């Protein structure tokens, strides 16, 4: 039987022969998960650390590794093979029911987190900003398996824990932060519920976070009213399907549910509905962030402006390509 280091080198050669873009990284990624063991039903797999992988380099390769290598050589996504996907420092369940999280979406999540944290800090000092019921609301449209919403919720729970230690008096007004994900695909909602259950079980959400994933269509504006969200969200994010339906995609993207990827001939079929839903959900002055195809930044910006959002700007990804658009809802009008 090959050692861990020998198995990684052999796998990298197989992946190179199969035409994979990053053969050595893929081999190391799979080995890190293989060395971590089988995991359990209560949480997604987590990879072994670099130190553990290095220390095991002379050990026999894990039994599961050869099977995983064969699957990856057939271009099955890494995340589906191990059943898990890292995102924003958290581990999520991943399989064919839901869109695989992309690193680019972490940029949108980081931006959105910064905006809502800044708003909370302002509200702590400015009582006129605070919702009358003490509930701060975040809406995640086209939520998929809950990727963005859950990461934001866990980060906000951590933020509140820090504030409880450093300045508890400033946040006595805050009763709950409510994060609502809305997703059309019932299979993705099912996967998202599994992720939500894991986050709760792992203690990542805390007592002041109320998270829900709802099956619904962003084109149904009555849904926002039914959920008590119309005009009440301080932050609205969206990662809708945005790839033109005729586009060629790689095999890995083809493993994602088509409903989560494609949106008409130009990739913008759903975007006006998303923009309308954003405006419908947003409280006065709410912050907004929407991911889009790298070729449709200008069009997405124009759609959001036409819907009534202001200060709309394009933001770029790691490769300096247009990747998401940000803006805000109109502020509350001063009373006459």
Foldseek 3Di string as FASTA:
>chain_A
DQFLQVQLVVLLVLLVVLVDPRSSVLSVVLQQQLVQDLDDLLFAGDGHDPVVSVVRRGPHRRPCSVVLSVVVSVVADSCQSRQWADDPNDIAGDHLLWDHDDPQVNVLLVVLLVVVVVLLVVCLVPVVSADPQQEAEEEEEQCQLNRSQLSSQLVVQVVVVVCCVVPVVSRPSHQAYEYEYEHARVSRPVSSVSRVSSCVVVVSRDDRYHYDYYHDDLLPLVVCVVVVQFQRHQEYEYEAAQDAPPDDDDVNSVSHPPRRHHAYRRSCNCLLSVLLSCQRRHHAFHKYKYWYDLVCLVVSQVSNVVNAWPPKDFDAGPVRTGTMIITTHHHDDDDD
